């Protein structure tokens, strides 16, 4: 945790992004972000108490 005290918040973000890019590669990152976005959307829908509409999910997957 010593590095957190030395490096500012913006620099930490850049370091993490570079590590993720090196670890996963440039081709995998859009796929990972798409999955993360779907997960966040599902979480928001579930927290609102809305049921997932399978028809709308099929339309999103086909795009």
N, C-alpha and C. Protein backbone atom coordinates (compact mmCIF):
# COMPACT_ATOMS: atom_id res chain seq x y z
N UNK A 1 0.81 -1.20 0.00
CA UNK A 1 0.00 0.00 0.00
C UNK A 1 0.85 1.26 0.00
N UNK A 2 2.15 1.11 0.05
CA UNK A 2 3.04 2.27 0.04
C UNK A 2 2.92 3.04 -1.27
N UNK A 3 2.71 2.33 -2.37
CA UNK A 3 2.64 2.99 -3.67
C UNK A 3 1.43 3.93 -3.75
N UNK A 4 0.37 3.62 -3.04
CA UNK A 4 -0.81 4.48 -3.06
C UNK A 4 -0.52 5.85 -2.45
N UNK A 5 0.35 5.90 -1.49
CA UNK A 5 0.69 7.17 -0.87
C UNK A 5 1.61 8.01 -1.74
N UNK A 6 2.39 7.40 -2.58
CA UNK A 6 3.36 8.09 -3.41
C UNK A 6 2.75 8.55 -4.73
N UNK A 7 1.92 7.72 -5.32
CA UNK A 7 1.37 7.98 -6.64
C UNK A 7 -0.03 8.57 -6.49
N UNK A 8 -0.36 9.58 -7.32
CA UNK A 8 -1.67 10.20 -7.28
C UNK A 8 -2.74 9.30 -7.86
N UNK A 9 -4.01 9.69 -7.68
CA UNK A 9 -5.15 8.88 -8.13
C UNK A 9 -5.18 8.69 -9.63
N UNK A 10 -4.88 9.72 -10.40
CA UNK A 10 -4.90 9.60 -11.86
C UNK A 10 -3.82 8.68 -12.37
N UNK A 11 -2.67 8.73 -11.72
CA UNK A 11 -1.56 7.86 -12.14
C UNK A 11 -1.86 6.40 -11.82
N UNK A 12 -2.55 6.15 -10.74
CA UNK A 12 -2.92 4.78 -10.39
C UNK A 12 -3.85 4.22 -11.46
N UNK A 13 -4.79 5.03 -11.91
CA UNK A 13 -5.72 4.59 -12.94
C UNK A 13 -4.97 4.22 -14.22
N UNK A 14 -4.02 5.03 -14.60
CA UNK A 14 -3.23 4.75 -15.81
C UNK A 14 -2.43 3.47 -15.64
N UNK A 15 -1.84 3.28 -14.49
CA UNK A 15 -1.06 2.06 -14.23
C UNK A 15 -1.95 0.83 -14.29
N UNK A 16 -3.13 0.90 -13.69
CA UNK A 16 -4.06 -0.24 -13.72
C UNK A 16 -4.50 -0.53 -15.15
N UNK A 17 -4.81 0.51 -15.94
CA UNK A 17 -5.22 0.31 -17.32
C UNK A 17 -4.13 -0.33 -18.16
N UNK A 18 -2.89 0.07 -17.94
CA UNK A 18 -1.77 -0.52 -18.68
C UNK A 18 -1.61 -1.99 -18.30
N UNK A 19 -1.74 -2.31 -17.03
CA UNK A 19 -1.62 -3.71 -16.58
C UNK A 19 -2.73 -4.55 -17.18
N UNK A 20 -3.96 -4.02 -17.19
CA UNK A 20 -5.09 -4.75 -17.78
C UNK A 20 -4.86 -4.96 -19.27
N UNK A 21 -4.37 -3.95 -19.96
CA UNK A 21 -4.10 -4.06 -21.39
C UNK A 21 -3.04 -5.13 -21.66
N UNK A 22 -2.00 -5.16 -20.87
CA UNK A 22 -0.95 -6.16 -21.04
C UNK A 22 -1.44 -7.56 -20.71
N UNK A 23 -2.29 -7.66 -19.69
CA UNK A 23 -2.76 -8.96 -19.23
C UNK A 23 -3.76 -9.58 -20.21
N UNK A 24 -4.75 -8.78 -20.67
CA UNK A 24 -5.82 -9.31 -21.51
C UNK A 24 -5.60 -9.09 -23.00
N UNK A 25 -4.86 -8.08 -23.37
CA UNK A 25 -4.68 -7.77 -24.78
C UNK A 25 -5.77 -6.86 -25.30
N UNK A 26 -5.50 -6.17 -26.38
CA UNK A 26 -6.41 -5.18 -26.91
C UNK A 26 -7.71 -5.74 -27.46
N UNK A 27 -7.68 -6.97 -27.92
CA UNK A 27 -8.88 -7.55 -28.53
C UNK A 27 -9.90 -8.00 -27.50
N UNK A 28 -9.47 -8.33 -26.31
CA UNK A 28 -10.37 -8.84 -25.28
C UNK A 28 -11.06 -7.73 -24.48
N UNK A 29 -10.49 -6.54 -24.46
CA UNK A 29 -11.02 -5.48 -23.60
C UNK A 29 -12.45 -5.08 -23.97
N UNK A 30 -12.80 -4.88 -25.26
CA UNK A 30 -14.20 -4.55 -25.57
C UNK A 30 -15.18 -5.63 -25.12
N UNK A 31 -14.76 -6.88 -25.26
CA UNK A 31 -15.61 -7.98 -24.82
C UNK A 31 -15.81 -7.95 -23.30
N UNK A 32 -14.75 -7.67 -22.57
CA UNK A 32 -14.84 -7.58 -21.12
C UNK A 32 -15.73 -6.42 -20.69
N UNK A 33 -15.60 -5.28 -21.35
CA UNK A 33 -16.41 -4.11 -21.01
C UNK A 33 -17.89 -4.34 -21.35
N UNK A 34 -18.15 -5.04 -22.44
CA UNK A 34 -19.52 -5.36 -22.82
C UNK A 34 -20.16 -6.24 -21.74
N UNK A 35 -19.42 -7.24 -21.29
CA UNK A 35 -19.92 -8.11 -20.22
C UNK A 35 -20.13 -7.37 -18.93
N UNK A 36 -19.23 -6.45 -18.62
CA UNK A 36 -19.37 -5.65 -17.40
C UNK A 36 -20.61 -4.77 -17.49
N UNK A 37 -20.84 -4.17 -18.66
CA UNK A 37 -22.02 -3.32 -18.86
C UNK A 37 -23.31 -4.10 -18.71
N UNK A 38 -23.35 -5.32 -19.27
CA UNK A 38 -24.54 -6.16 -19.12
C UNK A 38 -24.77 -6.51 -17.66
N UNK A 39 -23.70 -6.80 -16.95
CA UNK A 39 -23.83 -7.13 -15.53
C UNK A 39 -24.36 -5.97 -14.71
N UNK A 40 -23.87 -4.77 -14.99
CA UNK A 40 -24.34 -3.58 -14.27
C UNK A 40 -25.81 -3.33 -14.59
N UNK A 41 -26.20 -3.49 -15.86
CA UNK A 41 -27.60 -3.29 -16.25
C UNK A 41 -28.51 -4.29 -15.55
N UNK A 42 -28.10 -5.55 -15.52
CA UNK A 42 -28.89 -6.57 -14.83
C UNK A 42 -29.00 -6.27 -13.34
N UNK A 43 -27.93 -5.80 -12.74
CA UNK A 43 -27.96 -5.46 -11.32
C UNK A 43 -28.93 -4.31 -11.06
N UNK A 44 -28.88 -3.27 -11.91
CA UNK A 44 -29.79 -2.14 -11.74
C UNK A 44 -31.24 -2.57 -11.90
N UNK A 45 -31.52 -3.40 -12.92
CA UNK A 45 -32.88 -3.88 -13.13
C UNK A 45 -33.36 -4.71 -11.95
N UNK A 46 -32.48 -5.54 -11.42
CA UNK A 46 -32.85 -6.38 -10.28
C UNK A 46 -33.07 -5.55 -9.02
N UNK A 47 -32.28 -4.51 -8.85
CA UNK A 47 -32.45 -3.68 -7.65
C UNK A 47 -33.72 -2.85 -7.71
N UNK A 48 -34.20 -2.55 -8.93
CA UNK A 48 -35.45 -1.82 -9.08
C UNK A 48 -36.65 -2.76 -8.96
N UNK A 49 -36.42 -4.05 -9.01
CA UNK A 49 -37.49 -5.01 -8.91
C UNK A 49 -38.14 -5.31 -10.25
N UNK A 50 -37.52 -4.90 -11.34
CA UNK A 50 -38.07 -5.17 -12.66
C UNK A 50 -37.65 -6.55 -13.13
N UNK A 51 -38.58 -7.23 -13.78
CA UNK A 51 -38.24 -8.53 -14.36
C UNK A 51 -37.54 -8.31 -15.68
N UNK A 52 -36.58 -9.17 -15.96
CA UNK A 52 -35.85 -9.07 -17.22
C UNK A 52 -36.78 -9.49 -18.36
N UNK A 53 -36.75 -8.75 -19.44
CA UNK A 53 -37.56 -9.04 -20.60
C UNK A 53 -36.70 -9.82 -21.60
N UNK A 54 -36.96 -11.12 -21.80
CA UNK A 54 -36.09 -11.92 -22.66
C UNK A 54 -36.08 -11.44 -24.10
N UNK A 55 -37.18 -10.87 -24.58
CA UNK A 55 -37.22 -10.40 -25.96
C UNK A 55 -36.24 -9.25 -26.18
N UNK A 56 -36.17 -8.31 -25.24
CA UNK A 56 -35.26 -7.17 -25.40
C UNK A 56 -33.81 -7.62 -25.29
N UNK A 57 -33.53 -8.63 -24.48
CA UNK A 57 -32.16 -9.13 -24.36
C UNK A 57 -31.72 -9.79 -25.66
N UNK A 58 -32.64 -10.51 -26.33
CA UNK A 58 -32.31 -11.14 -27.60
C UNK A 58 -31.96 -10.09 -28.64
N UNK A 59 -32.68 -8.98 -28.65
CA UNK A 59 -32.43 -7.91 -29.60
C UNK A 59 -31.05 -7.28 -29.36
N UNK A 60 -30.67 -7.13 -28.09
CA UNK A 60 -29.36 -6.56 -27.77
C UNK A 60 -28.23 -7.48 -28.21
N UNK A 61 -28.41 -8.79 -28.06
CA UNK A 61 -27.36 -9.73 -28.43
C UNK A 61 -27.17 -9.80 -29.93
N UNK A 62 -28.22 -9.53 -30.71
CA UNK A 62 -28.12 -9.62 -32.16
C UNK A 62 -27.47 -8.41 -32.78
N UNK A 63 -27.32 -7.32 -32.05
CA UNK A 63 -26.72 -6.10 -32.61
C UNK A 63 -25.24 -6.20 -32.70
